[in-house]
């Protein structure tokens, strides 16, 4: 996959190789249920090969008894993983597991920035089950820096990257029919010691399941932290959903007084009154 010169500065923010932590997340969370024991018979004996620990061993030698059955739930004798038994002689033309997940990292060149990778991952069992490996393909790349954010998407047909006009979630677009995951622990590590650490991102995983829309908002408008802590998260939710906030918030304000267009005494009164304030009145 070539990376064109006009995107080189963008790509410089991203890790060059998949981290062990990312691979472990795919193995232990995304594909936790994608573990199989392929069984074959040799005379009266049955052998099983575990696709997780990659070990083969004798499962049954009970004088012609069938041993483990196709699609039976079982626990691997070697790695103790829960697996699904598959008879090696039965067609596997539809046995392919895939999913999409978003993984966050620190920028490789800007200590104040955070990046995210949208990964389409596949485990394809249709061929030689002794050679199964998880395949990773990056389909979206996000860069969140104080003041701005960018997204590149992969064009499958032309095998090139192009810049999106705005930040979108592939959960709702190209991957909406796939199983989708967010690596929450990667977010915790990525935002540490960056301006995004206290952005209150943890409050918005329902409104922005992969958090890319939230970090886009937080990059452009740091006031999301103030608003959340003042109990005004309904304005942020409205922004995330694309609803109108009717000019109630000066999103580019540099202080909470300028953001809310209120004096300190008015803000104090608002907080003490317990009133529920939302974009609709």
C-alpha atoms as a PDB file:
ATOM      1  CA  UNK A   1       0.000   0.000   0.000  1.00  0.00           C
ATOM      2  CA  UNK A   2       1.708   3.167  -1.146  1.00  0.00           C
ATOM      3  CA  UNK A   3       1.457   6.324   0.908  1.00  0.00           C
ATOM      4  CA  UNK A   4       1.451   9.384  -1.297  1.00  0.00           C
ATOM      5  CA  UNK A   5       3.820  12.255  -0.647  1.00  0.00           C
ATOM      6  CA  UNK A   6       1.076  14.724   0.183  1.00  0.00           C
ATOM      7  CA  UNK A   7       0.110  12.584   3.189  1.00  0.00           C
ATOM      8  CA  UNK A   8       3.614  11.844   4.484  1.00  0.00           C
ATOM      9  CA  UNK A   9       3.382  14.382   7.312  1.00  0.00           C
ATOM     10  CA  UNK A  10       0.093  12.829   8.391  1.00  0.00           C
ATOM     11  CA  UNK A  11       1.430   9.256   8.329  1.00  0.00           C
ATOM     12  CA  UNK A  12       4.448  10.304  10.406  1.00  0.00           C
ATOM     13  CA  UNK A  13       2.171  10.516  13.452  1.00  0.00           C
ATOM     14  CA  UNK A  14       1.346   6.812  13.313  1.00  0.00           C
ATOM     15  CA  UNK A  15       3.214   3.717  14.524  1.00  0.00           C
ATOM     16  CA  UNK A  16       4.986   1.798  11.776  1.00  0.00           C
ATOM     17  CA  UNK A  17       4.088  -1.645  13.107  1.00  0.00           C
ATOM     18  CA  UNK A  18       1.229  -3.201  15.018  1.00  0.00           C
ATOM     19  CA  UNK A  19       1.908  -3.221  18.759  1.00  0.00           C
ATOM     20  CA  UNK A  20       1.773  -6.389  20.830  1.00  0.00           C
ATOM     21  CA  UNK A  21      -1.008  -4.784  22.850  1.00  0.00           C
ATOM     22  CA  UNK A  22      -3.131  -4.264  19.732  1.00  0.00           C
ATOM     23  CA  UNK A  23      -2.604  -7.847  18.573  1.00  0.00           C
ATOM     24  CA  UNK A  24      -3.485  -9.104  22.060  1.00  0.00           C
ATOM     25  CA  UNK A  25      -6.691  -7.042  22.020  1.00  0.00           C
ATOM     26  CA  UNK A  26      -7.686  -8.606  18.714  1.00  0.00           C
ATOM     27  CA  UNK A  27      -6.859 -12.098  19.975  1.00  0.00           C
ATOM     28  CA  UNK A  28      -8.387 -11.904  23.446  1.00  0.00           C
ATOM     29  CA  UNK A  29     -11.372  -9.619  22.847  1.00  0.00           C
ATOM     30  CA  UNK A  30     -12.303  -9.214  19.188  1.00  0.00           C
ATOM     31  CA  UNK A  31     -11.726 -12.861  18.265  1.00  0.00           C
ATOM     32  CA  UNK A  32     -12.278 -14.492  21.625  1.00  0.00           C
ATOM     33  CA  UNK A  33     -15.057 -16.631  20.133  1.00  0.00           C
ATOM     34  CA  UNK A  34     -13.015 -17.408  17.011  1.00  0.00           C
ATOM     35  CA  UNK A  35     -11.166 -20.373  18.470  1.00  0.00           C
ATOM     36  CA  UNK A  36     -11.603 -23.781  16.928  1.00  0.00           C
ATOM     37  CA  UNK A  37     -10.390 -27.315  17.410  1.00  0.00           C
ATOM     38  CA  UNK A  38     -10.144 -29.078  14.061  1.00  0.00           C
ATOM     39  CA  UNK A  39     -10.375 -32.828  14.519  1.00  0.00           C
ATOM     40  CA  UNK A  40      -9.305 -35.650  12.214  1.00  0.00           C
ATOM     41  CA  UNK A  41      -9.278 -39.399  12.543  1.00  0.00           C
ATOM     42  CA  UNK A  42      -6.362 -41.761  12.083  1.00  0.00           C
ATOM     43  CA  UNK A  43      -7.689 -45.265  12.403  1.00  0.00           C
ATOM     44  CA  UNK A  44      -9.469 -45.505  15.745  1.00  0.00           C
ATOM     45  CA  UNK A  45      -7.752 -42.399  17.057  1.00  0.00           C
ATOM     46  CA  UNK A  46      -8.898 -38.801  16.853  1.00  0.00           C
ATOM     47  CA  UNK A  47      -6.506 -35.862  16.827  1.00  0.00           C
ATOM     48  CA  UNK A  48      -7.396 -32.232  17.380  1.00  0.00           C
ATOM     49  CA  UNK A  49      -5.555 -29.058  16.324  1.00  0.00           C
ATOM     50  CA  UNK A  50      -6.282 -25.864  18.307  1.00  0.00           C
ATOM     51  CA  UNK A  51      -6.185 -22.689  16.222  1.00  0.00           C
ATOM     52  CA  UNK A  52      -5.453 -20.606  19.328  1.00  0.00           C
ATOM     53  CA  UNK A  53      -2.432 -22.351  20.868  1.00  0.00           C
ATOM     54  CA  UNK A  54      -1.479 -24.066  17.571  1.00  0.00           C
ATOM     55  CA  UNK A  55      -0.964 -27.448  19.209  1.00  0.00           C
ATOM     56  CA  UNK A  56      -2.195 -30.821  18.013  1.00  0.00           C
ATOM     57  CA  UNK A  57      -2.835 -33.737  20.310  1.00  0.00           C
ATOM     58  CA  UNK A  58      -4.751 -36.972  20.756  1.00  0.00           C
ATOM     59  CA  UNK A  59      -8.346 -36.338  21.788  1.00  0.00           C
ATOM     60  CA  UNK A  60      -9.776 -39.870  21.664  1.00  0.00           C
ATOM     61  CA  UNK A  61      -8.596 -43.450  21.212  1.00  0.00           C
ATOM     62  CA  UNK A  62     -11.613 -45.276  22.546  1.00  0.00           C
ATOM     63  CA  UNK A  63     -11.717 -48.231  20.152  1.00  0.00           C
ATOM     64  CA  UNK A  64     -13.814 -46.718  17.416  1.00  0.00           C
ATOM     65  CA  UNK A  65     -15.945 -44.350  19.490  1.00  0.00           C
ATOM     66  CA  UNK A  66     -16.601 -41.054  17.748  1.00  0.00           C
ATOM     67  CA  UNK A  67     -14.774 -38.803  20.176  1.00  0.00           C
ATOM     68  CA  UNK A  68     -15.481 -35.093  19.820  1.00  0.00           C
ATOM     69  CA  UNK A  69     -18.340 -34.091  17.541  1.00  0.00           C
ATOM     70  CA  UNK A  70     -18.628 -31.346  14.921  1.00  0.00           C
ATOM     71  CA  UNK A  71     -19.782 -27.997  16.407  1.00  0.00           C
ATOM     72  CA  UNK A  72     -19.407 -29.288  19.957  1.00  0.00           C
ATOM     73  CA  UNK A  73     -18.287 -26.770  22.602  1.00  0.00           C
ATOM     74  CA  UNK A  74     -15.130 -27.891  24.301  1.00  0.00           C
ATOM     75  CA  UNK A  75     -12.107 -26.757  26.287  1.00  0.00           C
ATOM     76  CA  UNK A  76      -8.713 -27.161  24.714  1.00  0.00           C
ATOM     77  CA  UNK A  77      -6.604 -29.597  26.718  1.00  0.00           C
ATOM     78  CA  UNK A  78      -3.466 -27.528  26.136  1.00  0.00           C
ATOM     79  CA  UNK A  79      -4.356 -23.830  26.459  1.00  0.00           C
ATOM     80  CA  UNK A  80      -7.704 -24.289  28.280  1.00  0.00           C
ATOM     81  CA  UNK A  81      -9.454 -21.976  25.819  1.00  0.00           C
ATOM     82  CA  UNK A  82     -13.113 -22.530  25.093  1.00  0.00           C
ATOM     83  CA  UNK A  83     -13.258 -23.742  21.509  1.00  0.00           C
ATOM     84  CA  UNK A  84     -15.745 -24.980  18.942  1.00  0.00           C
ATOM     85  CA  UNK A  85     -14.972 -28.387  17.491  1.00  0.00           C
ATOM     86  CA  UNK A  86     -14.876 -28.580  13.702  1.00  0.00           C
ATOM     87  CA  UNK A  87     -14.579 -31.827  11.748  1.00  0.00           C
ATOM     88  CA  UNK A  88     -11.743 -31.332   9.258  1.00  0.00           C
ATOM     89  CA  UNK A  89     -13.589 -33.252   6.562  1.00  0.00           C
ATOM     90  CA  UNK A  90     -16.627 -30.945   6.506  1.00  0.00           C
ATOM     91  CA  UNK A  91     -16.668 -27.985   4.111  1.00  0.00           C
ATOM     92  CA  UNK A  92     -15.342 -24.716   5.512  1.00  0.00           C
ATOM     93  CA  UNK A  93     -16.217 -22.466   2.567  1.00  0.00           C
ATOM     94  CA  UNK A  94     -18.130 -20.090   4.840  1.00  0.00           C
ATOM     95  CA  UNK A  95     -15.941 -20.325   7.906  1.00  0.00           C
ATOM     96  CA  UNK A  96     -14.491 -16.842   8.075  1.00  0.00           C
ATOM     97  CA  UNK A  97     -14.655 -14.508  11.081  1.00  0.00           C
ATOM     98  CA  UNK A  98     -14.225 -10.764  10.681  1.00  0.00           C
ATOM     99  CA  UNK A  99     -14.678  -7.613  12.745  1.00  0.00           C
ATOM    100  CA  UNK A 100     -13.764  -3.950  12.954  1.00  0.00           C
ATOM    101  CA  UNK A 101     -12.122  -2.210  15.881  1.00  0.00           C
ATOM    102  CA  UNK A 102     -10.666   1.190  16.698  1.00  0.00           C
ATOM    103  CA  UNK A 103      -7.280   1.370  18.400  1.00  0.00           C
ATOM    104  CA  UNK A 104      -5.767   4.551  19.885  1.00  0.00           C
ATOM    105  CA  UNK A 105      -2.114   5.529  20.220  1.00  0.00           C
ATOM    106  CA  UNK A 106      -0.058   8.580  21.088  1.00  0.00           C
ATOM    107  CA  UNK A 107       1.248  10.515  18.111  1.00  0.00           C
ATOM    108  CA  UNK A 108       4.780   9.464  17.218  1.00  0.00           C
ATOM    109  CA  UNK A 109       5.875  13.078  16.646  1.00  0.00           C
ATOM    110  CA  UNK A 110       3.538  15.387  18.587  1.00  0.00           C
ATOM    111  CA  UNK A 111       3.295  14.765  22.358  1.00  0.00           C
ATOM    112  CA  UNK A 112       0.029  16.724  22.474  1.00  0.00           C
ATOM    113  CA  UNK A 113      -1.702  14.680  19.786  1.00  0.00           C
ATOM    114  CA  UNK A 114      -3.613  11.403  19.735  1.00  0.00           C
ATOM    115  CA  UNK A 115      -4.149   9.094  16.775  1.00  0.00           C
ATOM    116  CA  UNK A 116      -6.643   6.321  16.117  1.00  0.00           C
ATOM    117  CA  UNK A 117      -6.606   3.426  13.686  1.00  0.00           C
ATOM    118  CA  UNK A 118      -9.733   1.827  12.279  1.00  0.00           C
ATOM    119  CA  UNK A 119      -8.786  -1.812  11.733  1.00  0.00           C
ATOM    120  CA  UNK A 120     -10.680  -4.405   9.722  1.00  0.00           C
ATOM    121  CA  UNK A 121      -9.494  -7.797  10.954  1.00  0.00           C
ATOM    122  CA  UNK A 122     -10.108 -11.248   9.521  1.00  0.00           C
ATOM    123  CA  UNK A 123      -9.506 -14.841  10.502  1.00  0.00           C
ATOM    124  CA  UNK A 124     -10.075 -16.989   7.429  1.00  0.00           C
ATOM    125  CA  UNK A 125     -10.436 -20.740   8.049  1.00  0.00           C
ATOM    126  CA  UNK A 126     -11.338 -21.718   4.496  1.00  0.00           C
ATOM    127  CA  UNK A 127      -7.822 -22.835   3.613  1.00  0.00           C
ATOM    128  CA  UNK A 128      -5.184 -24.757   5.544  1.00  0.00           C
ATOM    129  CA  UNK A 129      -6.259 -24.536   9.185  1.00  0.00           C
ATOM    130  CA  UNK A 130      -2.687 -25.179  10.316  1.00  0.00           C
ATOM    131  CA  UNK A 131      -1.674 -21.792   8.900  1.00  0.00           C
ATOM    132  CA  UNK A 132      -4.342 -19.471  10.289  1.00  0.00           C
ATOM    133  CA  UNK A 133      -3.169 -15.984  11.190  1.00  0.00           C
ATOM    134  CA  UNK A 134      -5.175 -12.866  11.966  1.00  0.00           C
ATOM    135  CA  UNK A 135      -5.019 -10.439   9.055  1.00  0.00           C
ATOM    136  CA  UNK A 136      -5.189  -6.718   9.806  1.00  0.00           C
ATOM    137  CA  UNK A 137      -6.116  -4.031   7.311  1.00  0.00           C
ATOM    138  CA  UNK A 138      -6.235  -0.364   8.278  1.00  0.00           C
ATOM    139  CA  UNK A 139      -9.266   1.262   6.673  1.00  0.00           C
ATOM    140  CA  UNK A 140      -9.374   4.576   8.562  1.00  0.00           C
ATOM    141  CA  UNK A 141      -6.774   6.801  10.228  1.00  0.00           C
ATOM    142  CA  UNK A 142      -7.508   9.702  12.575  1.00  0.00           C
ATOM    143  CA  UNK A 143      -5.289  12.465  13.893  1.00  0.00           C
ATOM    144  CA  UNK A 144      -6.473  14.632  16.781  1.00  0.00           C
ATOM    145  CA  UNK A 145      -4.352  17.654  17.620  1.00  0.00           C
ATOM    146  CA  UNK A 146      -5.288  20.659  19.775  1.00  0.00           C
ATOM    147  CA  UNK A 147      -7.228  22.909  17.441  1.00  0.00           C
ATOM    148  CA  UNK A 148      -7.768  20.491  14.565  1.00  0.00           C
ATOM    149  CA  UNK A 149      -8.419  16.925  13.490  1.00  0.00           C
ATOM    150  CA  UNK A 150      -8.026  14.954  10.253  1.00  0.00           C
ATOM    151  CA  UNK A 151      -9.182  11.636   8.857  1.00  0.00           C
ATOM    152  CA  UNK A 152      -7.899   9.525   5.985  1.00  0.00           C
ATOM    153  CA  UNK A 153      -9.985   6.702   4.515  1.00  0.00           C
ATOM    154  CA  UNK A 154      -8.842   3.816   2.375  1.00  0.00           C
ATOM    155  CA  UNK A 155     -10.235   3.539  -1.133  1.00  0.00           C
ATOM    156  CA  UNK A 156     -10.529  -0.224  -1.635  1.00  0.00           C
ATOM    157  CA  UNK A 157     -10.821  -0.145  -5.408  1.00  0.00           C
ATOM    158  CA  UNK A 158      -7.965   2.243  -6.154  1.00  0.00           C
ATOM    159  CA  UNK A 159      -5.884   1.069  -3.172  1.00  0.00           C
ATOM    160  CA  UNK A 160      -5.121   4.596  -2.097  1.00  0.00           C
ATOM    161  CA  UNK A 161      -5.808   6.939   0.800  1.00  0.00           C
ATOM    162  CA  UNK A 162      -7.937  10.042   0.523  1.00  0.00           C
ATOM    163  CA  UNK A 163      -8.793  12.733   3.060  1.00  0.00           C
ATOM    164  CA  UNK A 164     -12.341  12.825   4.402  1.00  0.00           C
ATOM    165  CA  UNK A 165     -14.087  16.185   4.442  1.00  0.00           C
ATOM    166  CA  UNK A 166     -15.115  15.619   8.052  1.00  0.00           C
ATOM    167  CA  UNK A 167     -14.558  13.092  10.812  1.00  0.00           C
ATOM    168  CA  UNK A 168     -16.920  10.134  10.478  1.00  0.00           C
ATOM    169  CA  UNK A 169     -17.268   6.864  12.322  1.00  0.00           C
ATOM    170  CA  UNK A 170     -16.891   3.731  10.243  1.00  0.00           C
ATOM    171  CA  UNK A 171     -19.181   2.104  12.807  1.00  0.00           C
ATOM    172  CA  UNK A 172     -21.968   3.917  10.949  1.00  0.00           C
ATOM    173  CA  UNK A 173     -20.568   3.644   7.421  1.00  0.00           C
ATOM    174  CA  UNK A 174     -18.403   0.981   5.815  1.00  0.00           C
ATOM    175  CA  UNK A 175     -18.424  -1.271   8.907  1.00  0.00           C
ATOM    176  CA  UNK A 176     -22.034  -0.871  10.016  1.00  0.00           C
ATOM    177  CA  UNK A 177     -22.807  -4.536   9.266  1.00  0.00           C
ATOM    178  CA  UNK A 178     -19.711  -5.867  11.041  1.00  0.00           C
ATOM    179  CA  UNK A 179     -19.034  -6.589  14.688  1.00  0.00           C
ATOM    180  CA  UNK A 180     -17.434  -3.390  16.003  1.00  0.00           C
ATOM    181  CA  UNK A 181     -15.244  -2.799  19.034  1.00  0.00           C
ATOM    182  CA  UNK A 182     -13.470   0.062  20.778  1.00  0.00           C
ATOM    183  CA  UNK A 183     -10.221  -0.694  22.610  1.00  0.00           C
ATOM    184  CA  UNK A 184     -10.959   1.377  25.712  1.00  0.00           C
ATOM    185  CA  UNK A 185      -7.662   0.655  27.429  1.00  0.00           C
ATOM    186  CA  UNK A 186      -5.825   1.990  24.397  1.00  0.00           C
ATOM    187  CA  UNK A 187      -7.692   5.286  24.828  1.00  0.00           C
ATOM    188  CA  UNK A 188      -6.575   5.525  28.457  1.00  0.00           C
ATOM    189  CA  UNK A 189      -2.936   5.057  27.463  1.00  0.00           C
ATOM    190  CA  UNK A 190      -3.099   7.309  24.395  1.00  0.00           C
ATOM    191  CA  UNK A 191      -4.584  10.375  26.117  1.00  0.00           C
ATOM    192  CA  UNK A 192      -2.303  10.222  29.161  1.00  0.00           C
ATOM    193  CA  UNK A 193      -0.237  13.419  29.506  1.00  0.00           C
ATOM    194  CA  UNK A 194      -1.983  15.031  26.530  1.00  0.00           C
ATOM    195  CA  UNK A 195      -4.564  17.866  26.511  1.00  0.00           C
ATOM    196  CA  UNK A 196      -7.204  15.172  25.934  1.00  0.00           C
ATOM    197  CA  UNK A 197      -6.574  13.426  29.254  1.00  0.00           C
ATOM    198  CA  UNK A 198      -9.182  15.486  31.114  1.00  0.00           C
ATOM    199  CA  UNK A 199     -11.572  15.933  28.203  1.00  0.00           C
ATOM    200  CA  UNK A 200     -14.196  13.740  29.965  1.00  0.00           C
ATOM    201  CA  UNK A 201     -14.191  11.321  27.022  1.00  0.00           C
ATOM    202  CA  UNK A 202     -15.378   8.486  29.259  1.00  0.00           C
ATOM    203  CA  UNK A 203     -18.759  10.178  29.591  1.00  0.00           C
ATOM    204  CA  UNK A 204     -19.533   9.901  25.870  1.00  0.00           C
ATOM    205  CA  UNK A 205     -18.924   6.316  24.780  1.00  0.00           C
ATOM    206  CA  UNK A 206     -22.666   5.883  24.193  1.00  0.00           C
ATOM    207  CA  UNK A 207     -23.028   8.982  22.034  1.00  0.00           C
ATOM    208  CA  UNK A 208     -19.763   8.281  20.178  1.00  0.00           C
ATOM    209  CA  UNK A 209     -19.140   4.520  20.476  1.00  0.00           C
ATOM    210  CA  UNK A 210     -15.679   4.641  18.906  1.00  0.00           C
ATOM    211  CA  UNK A 211     -15.035   8.168  20.309  1.00  0.00           C
ATOM    212  CA  UNK A 212     -13.786   9.623  17.017  1.00  0.00           C
ATOM    213  CA  UNK A 213     -16.607  12.164  16.877  1.00  0.00           C
ATOM    214  CA  UNK A 214     -15.981  13.112  20.495  1.00  0.00           C
ATOM    215  CA  UNK A 215     -12.231  13.634  20.028  1.00  0.00           C
ATOM    216  CA  UNK A 216     -12.952  15.654  16.909  1.00  0.00           C
ATOM    217  CA  UNK A 217     -15.137  17.901  19.051  1.00  0.00           C
ATOM    218  CA  UNK A 218     -12.634  18.031  21.918  1.00  0.00           C
ATOM    219  CA  UNK A 219      -9.787  18.888  19.522  1.00  0.00           C
ATOM    220  CA  UNK A 220     -11.696  21.830  18.084  1.00  0.00           C
ATOM    221  CA  UNK A 221     -13.460  22.966  21.257  1.00  0.00           C
ATOM    222  CA  UNK A 222     -11.590  22.322  24.541  1.00  0.00           C
ATOM    223  CA  UNK A 223     -14.597  23.781  26.378  1.00  0.00           C
ATOM    224  CA  UNK A 224     -16.219  20.322  26.302  1.00  0.00           C
ATOM    225  CA  UNK A 225     -14.404  19.664  29.583  1.00  0.00           C
ATOM    226  CA  UNK A 226     -15.912  22.772  31.217  1.00  0.00           C
ATOM    227  CA  UNK A 227     -19.385  22.026  29.915  1.00  0.00           C
ATOM    228  CA  UNK A 228     -19.378  18.424  31.088  1.00  0.00           C
ATOM    229  CA  UNK A 229     -18.163  19.328  34.565  1.00  0.00           C
ATOM    230  CA  UNK A 230     -20.812  22.050  34.812  1.00  0.00           C
ATOM    231  CA  UNK A 231     -23.524  19.510  34.072  1.00  0.00           C
ATOM    232  CA  UNK A 232     -24.138  20.842  30.553  1.00  0.00           C
ATOM    233  CA  UNK A 233     -23.360  17.648  28.686  1.00  0.00           C
ATOM    234  CA  UNK A 234     -26.666  17.913  26.791  1.00  0.00           C
ATOM    235  CA  UNK A 235     -25.048  20.600  24.631  1.00  0.00           C
ATOM    236  CA  UNK A 236     -22.152  18.286  23.809  1.00  0.00           C
ATOM    237  CA  UNK A 237     -24.532  15.436  23.076  1.00  0.00           C
ATOM    238  CA  UNK A 238     -26.483  17.718  20.741  1.00  0.00           C
ATOM    239  CA  UNK A 239     -23.261  18.624  18.949  1.00  0.00           C
ATOM    240  CA  UNK A 240     -22.255  14.964  18.630  1.00  0.00           C
ATOM    241  CA  UNK A 241     -25.635  14.035  17.168  1.00  0.00           C
ATOM    242  CA  UNK A 242     -25.554  16.993  14.799  1.00  0.00           C
ATOM    243  CA  UNK A 243     -28.387  18.877  16.478  1.00  0.00           C
ATOM    244  CA  UNK A 244     -28.676  22.659  16.782  1.00  0.00           C
ATOM    245  CA  UNK A 245     -27.433  24.351  19.964  1.00  0.00           C
ATOM    246  CA  UNK A 246     -29.139  27.627  18.978  1.00  0.00           C
ATOM    247  CA  UNK A 247     -26.110  29.818  19.654  1.00  0.00           C
ATOM    248  CA  UNK A 248     -26.306  29.131  23.388  1.00  0.00           C
ATOM    249  CA  UNK A 249     -22.632  28.176  23.481  1.00  0.00           C
ATOM    250  CA  UNK A 250     -19.657  30.151  22.199  1.00  0.00           C
ATOM    251  CA  UNK A 251     -17.695  27.035  21.317  1.00  0.00           C
ATOM    252  CA  UNK A 252     -14.481  28.914  20.630  1.00  0.00           C
ATOM    253  CA  UNK A 253     -14.521  30.852  23.881  1.00  0.00           C
ATOM    254  CA  UNK A 254     -11.240  30.824  25.814  1.00  0.00           C
ATOM    255  CA  UNK A 255     -12.816  30.962  29.285  1.00  0.00           C
ATOM    256  CA  UNK A 256     -15.964  29.478  30.772  1.00  0.00           C
ATOM    257  CA  UNK A 257     -17.457  32.978  31.039  1.00  0.00           C
ATOM    258  CA  UNK A 258     -16.943  33.549  27.321  1.00  0.00           C
ATOM    259  CA  UNK A 259     -18.129  30.050  26.433  1.00  0.00           C
ATOM    260  CA  UNK A 260     -21.417  30.537  28.293  1.00  0.00           C
ATOM    261  CA  UNK A 261     -21.623  34.285  27.716  1.00  0.00           C
ATOM    262  CA  UNK A 262     -22.287  34.676  31.445  1.00  0.00           C
ATOM    263  CA  UNK A 263     -20.534  36.400  34.322  1.00  0.00           C
ATOM    264  CA  UNK A 264     -18.894  34.452  37.125  1.00  0.00           C
ATOM    265  CA  UNK A 265     -21.772  35.336  39.467  1.00  0.00           C
ATOM    266  CA  UNK A 266     -24.351  34.166  36.915  1.00  0.00           C
ATOM    267  CA  UNK A 267     -22.501  30.887  36.449  1.00  0.00           C
ATOM    268  CA  UNK A 268     -22.340  30.400  40.214  1.00  0.00           C
ATOM    269  CA  UNK A 269     -26.060  31.087  40.471  1.00  0.00           C
ATOM    270  CA  UNK A 270     -26.788  28.622  37.672  1.00  0.00           C
ATOM    271  CA  UNK A 271     -24.792  25.897  39.399  1.00  0.00           C
ATOM    272  CA  UNK A 272     -26.383  26.464  42.785  1.00  0.00           C
ATOM    273  CA  UNK A 273     -29.938  26.600  41.398  1.00  0.00           C
ATOM    274  CA  UNK A 274     -29.872  22.987  40.230  1.00  0.00           C
ATOM    275  CA  UNK A 275     -31.703  23.918  37.039  1.00  0.00           C
ATOM    276  CA  UNK A 276     -31.417  21.532  34.105  1.00  0.00           C
ATOM    277  CA  UNK A 277     -30.167  23.515  31.136  1.00  0.00           C
ATOM    278  CA  UNK A 278     -30.377  22.100  27.619  1.00  0.00           C
ATOM    279  CA  UNK A 279     -30.305  23.435  24.052  1.00  0.00           C
ATOM    280  CA  UNK A 280     -34.103  23.542  23.883  1.00  0.00           C
ATOM    281  CA  UNK A 281     -34.762  25.834  26.792  1.00  0.00           C
END
